[in-house]
Amino acid sequence: MQRINVRVTPRARVQKIIADESGNVHVYTNAAPTDGDANAAVIKMLARYFDVPKGQIKIIRGHTSRDKVIEF
């Protein structure tokens, strides 16, 4: 299992993922942060980025925050 720190920017114009050398990841998604839409979009984007199934990615901390800890 691997854990990463993720900073989410919802309602962004462009969907993208930026990873820095310290291991932090910044995810820009155009999904709104209502009803878990942004969290679902983040999981989908990270699954594609890291080439793992969506079911293996879990939000450990920060379900309602922009700063999250993700485990996969």
N, C-alpha and C. Protein backbone atom coordinates (compact mmCIF):
# COMPACT_ATOMS: atom_id res chain seq x y z
N MET A 1 0.83 -1.19 0.00
CA MET A 1 0.00 0.00 0.00
C MET A 1 0.88 1.25 0.00
N GLN A 2 0.45 2.20 -0.75
CA GLN A 2 1.17 3.46 -0.85
C GLN A 2 0.22 4.59 -0.51
N ARG A 3 0.70 5.58 0.25
CA ARG A 3 -0.10 6.75 0.59
C ARG A 3 0.54 7.99 0.00
N ILE A 4 -0.33 8.87 -0.52
CA ILE A 4 0.15 10.12 -1.08
C ILE A 4 -0.71 11.26 -0.57
N ASN A 5 -0.12 12.44 -0.48
CA ASN A 5 -0.85 13.64 -0.14
C ASN A 5 -1.34 14.28 -1.43
N VAL A 6 -2.62 14.65 -1.44
CA VAL A 6 -3.22 15.21 -2.65
C VAL A 6 -3.89 16.52 -2.29
N ARG A 7 -3.66 17.53 -3.11
CA ARG A 7 -4.35 18.83 -3.00
C ARG A 7 -5.29 18.91 -4.19
N VAL A 8 -6.57 19.10 -3.95
CA VAL A 8 -7.58 19.11 -5.00
C VAL A 8 -8.07 20.52 -5.25
N THR A 9 -8.18 20.88 -6.53
CA THR A 9 -8.78 22.14 -6.93
C THR A 9 -10.02 21.80 -7.77
N PRO A 10 -11.22 21.88 -7.17
CA PRO A 10 -12.43 21.61 -7.95
C PRO A 10 -12.80 22.79 -8.83
N ARG A 11 -13.66 22.53 -9.79
CA ARG A 11 -14.14 23.53 -10.73
C ARG A 11 -13.00 24.21 -11.50
N ALA A 12 -11.96 23.46 -11.80
CA ALA A 12 -10.85 24.00 -12.59
C ALA A 12 -11.25 24.01 -14.06
N ARG A 13 -10.61 24.86 -14.83
CA ARG A 13 -10.91 24.92 -16.26
C ARG A 13 -10.40 23.70 -17.00
N VAL A 14 -9.24 23.21 -16.58
CA VAL A 14 -8.61 22.08 -17.24
C VAL A 14 -8.37 20.98 -16.22
N GLN A 15 -8.66 19.74 -16.59
CA GLN A 15 -8.38 18.61 -15.70
C GLN A 15 -6.94 18.17 -15.92
N LYS A 16 -6.16 18.16 -14.83
CA LYS A 16 -4.78 17.72 -14.94
C LYS A 16 -4.26 17.32 -13.57
N ILE A 17 -3.15 16.60 -13.59
CA ILE A 17 -2.47 16.17 -12.37
C ILE A 17 -1.04 16.64 -12.46
N ILE A 18 -0.58 17.27 -11.37
CA ILE A 18 0.81 17.72 -11.29
C ILE A 18 1.43 17.10 -10.04
N ALA A 19 2.53 16.37 -10.22
CA ALA A 19 3.24 15.75 -9.11
C ALA A 19 4.58 16.46 -8.95
N ASP A 20 4.93 16.78 -7.69
CA ASP A 20 6.23 17.41 -7.47
C ASP A 20 7.23 16.39 -6.93
N GLU A 21 8.47 16.82 -6.79
CA GLU A 21 9.53 15.90 -6.39
C GLU A 21 9.44 15.45 -4.95
N SER A 22 8.67 16.14 -4.11
CA SER A 22 8.53 15.73 -2.71
C SER A 22 7.43 14.69 -2.51
N GLY A 23 6.74 14.29 -3.58
CA GLY A 23 5.72 13.26 -3.47
C GLY A 23 4.31 13.79 -3.34
N ASN A 24 4.14 15.10 -3.30
CA ASN A 24 2.80 15.68 -3.24
C ASN A 24 2.21 15.75 -4.64
N VAL A 25 0.90 15.59 -4.70
CA VAL A 25 0.21 15.58 -5.98
C VAL A 25 -0.89 16.64 -5.93
N HIS A 26 -1.01 17.42 -6.99
CA HIS A 26 -2.07 18.43 -7.09
C HIS A 26 -2.98 18.01 -8.24
N VAL A 27 -4.27 17.83 -7.93
CA VAL A 27 -5.24 17.39 -8.92
C VAL A 27 -6.20 18.54 -9.21
N TYR A 28 -6.32 18.90 -10.47
CA TYR A 28 -7.27 19.91 -10.92
C TYR A 28 -8.40 19.19 -11.63
N THR A 29 -9.63 19.35 -11.15
CA THR A 29 -10.77 18.70 -11.77
C THR A 29 -11.87 19.72 -12.02
N ASN A 30 -12.63 19.51 -13.08
CA ASN A 30 -13.72 20.44 -13.36
C ASN A 30 -15.02 20.03 -12.68
N ALA A 31 -15.01 18.98 -11.88
CA ALA A 31 -16.18 18.55 -11.13
C ALA A 31 -16.42 19.47 -9.94
N ALA A 32 -17.69 19.64 -9.61
CA ALA A 32 -18.06 20.46 -8.45
C ALA A 32 -17.92 19.64 -7.17
N PRO A 33 -17.61 20.30 -6.07
CA PRO A 33 -17.42 19.57 -4.81
C PRO A 33 -18.74 19.29 -4.09
N THR A 34 -19.77 18.88 -4.81
CA THR A 34 -21.05 18.55 -4.20
C THR A 34 -21.38 17.09 -4.44
N ASP A 35 -21.99 16.48 -3.45
CA ASP A 35 -22.42 15.08 -3.53
C ASP A 35 -21.28 14.12 -3.86
N GLY A 36 -20.05 14.47 -3.53
CA GLY A 36 -18.91 13.60 -3.78
C GLY A 36 -18.45 13.54 -5.22
N ASP A 37 -18.95 14.45 -6.06
CA ASP A 37 -18.57 14.43 -7.47
C ASP A 37 -17.08 14.68 -7.67
N ALA A 38 -16.52 15.63 -6.93
CA ALA A 38 -15.09 15.93 -7.08
C ALA A 38 -14.25 14.76 -6.57
N ASN A 39 -14.66 14.13 -5.47
CA ASN A 39 -13.90 12.97 -4.97
C ASN A 39 -13.91 11.84 -5.98
N ALA A 40 -15.05 11.58 -6.59
CA ALA A 40 -15.14 10.53 -7.61
C ALA A 40 -14.26 10.85 -8.81
N ALA A 41 -14.25 12.12 -9.21
CA ALA A 41 -13.41 12.53 -10.34
C ALA A 41 -11.93 12.38 -10.00
N VAL A 42 -11.56 12.72 -8.77
CA VAL A 42 -10.16 12.59 -8.34
C VAL A 42 -9.74 11.13 -8.36
N ILE A 43 -10.58 10.26 -7.86
CA ILE A 43 -10.25 8.83 -7.85
C ILE A 43 -10.10 8.31 -9.27
N LYS A 44 -10.99 8.72 -10.16
CA LYS A 44 -10.91 8.29 -11.56
C LYS A 44 -9.64 8.79 -12.22
N MET A 45 -9.30 10.05 -11.99
CA MET A 45 -8.09 10.62 -12.58
C MET A 45 -6.83 9.96 -12.04
N LEU A 46 -6.78 9.73 -10.73
CA LEU A 46 -5.60 9.09 -10.14
C LEU A 46 -5.45 7.65 -10.60
N ALA A 47 -6.56 6.95 -10.78
CA ALA A 47 -6.50 5.57 -11.28
C ALA A 47 -5.89 5.54 -12.67
N ARG A 48 -6.27 6.48 -13.50
CA ARG A 48 -5.71 6.54 -14.85
C ARG A 48 -4.23 6.96 -14.80
N TYR A 49 -3.90 7.91 -13.93
CA TYR A 49 -2.52 8.43 -13.83
C TYR A 49 -1.55 7.36 -13.34
N PHE A 50 -1.95 6.61 -12.29
CA PHE A 50 -1.07 5.60 -11.71
C PHE A 50 -1.29 4.21 -12.30
N ASP A 51 -2.25 4.07 -13.21
CA ASP A 51 -2.55 2.80 -13.88
C ASP A 51 -2.91 1.70 -12.88
N VAL A 52 -3.86 2.02 -12.00
CA VAL A 52 -4.40 1.05 -11.06
C VAL A 52 -5.92 1.08 -11.15
N PRO A 53 -6.61 0.00 -10.77
CA PRO A 53 -8.07 0.01 -10.79
C PRO A 53 -8.65 1.02 -9.79
N LYS A 54 -9.78 1.62 -10.14
CA LYS A 54 -10.43 2.61 -9.27
C LYS A 54 -10.77 2.01 -7.91
N GLY A 55 -11.10 0.73 -7.87
CA GLY A 55 -11.47 0.08 -6.62
C GLY A 55 -10.34 -0.04 -5.62
N GLN A 56 -9.11 0.13 -6.07
CA GLN A 56 -7.97 0.03 -5.17
C GLN A 56 -7.58 1.37 -4.56
N ILE A 57 -8.22 2.44 -4.99
CA ILE A 57 -7.89 3.77 -4.49
C ILE A 57 -8.92 4.18 -3.44
N LYS A 58 -8.42 4.58 -2.26
CA LYS A 58 -9.30 5.00 -1.17
C LYS A 58 -8.85 6.34 -0.62
N ILE A 59 -9.82 7.16 -0.25
CA ILE A 59 -9.52 8.41 0.44
C ILE A 59 -9.47 8.07 1.93
N ILE A 60 -8.30 8.20 2.51
CA ILE A 60 -8.11 7.86 3.92
C ILE A 60 -8.52 9.03 4.81
N ARG A 61 -8.15 10.24 4.39
CA ARG A 61 -8.45 11.42 5.20
C ARG A 61 -8.75 12.58 4.26
N GLY A 62 -9.70 13.43 4.65
CA GLY A 62 -9.99 14.64 3.91
C GLY A 62 -11.14 14.53 2.93
N HIS A 63 -12.17 13.76 3.26
CA HIS A 63 -13.30 13.58 2.36
C HIS A 63 -13.97 14.91 2.00
N THR A 64 -13.99 15.85 2.93
CA THR A 64 -14.65 17.13 2.67
C THR A 64 -13.65 18.28 2.60
N SER A 65 -12.39 17.96 2.48
CA SER A 65 -11.34 18.97 2.44
C SER A 65 -10.63 18.94 1.09
N ARG A 66 -9.94 20.02 0.77
CA ARG A 66 -9.12 20.03 -0.45
C ARG A 66 -7.85 19.22 -0.27
N ASP A 67 -7.36 19.12 0.95
CA ASP A 67 -6.17 18.33 1.24
C ASP A 67 -6.60 16.93 1.65
N LYS A 68 -6.13 15.94 0.91
CA LYS A 68 -6.55 14.57 1.14
C LYS A 68 -5.33 13.66 1.27
N VAL A 69 -5.54 12.53 1.92
CA VAL A 69 -4.55 11.46 1.94
C VAL A 69 -5.20 10.30 1.21
N ILE A 70 -4.53 9.85 0.16
CA ILE A 70 -5.06 8.79 -0.70
C ILE A 70 -4.18 7.55 -0.53
N GLU A 71 -4.82 6.39 -0.47
CA GLU A 71 -4.09 5.13 -0.37
C GLU A 71 -4.47 4.24 -1.54
N PHE A 72 -3.47 3.61 -2.11
CA PHE A 72 -3.74 2.63 -3.18
C PHE A 72 -2.72 1.53 -3.14
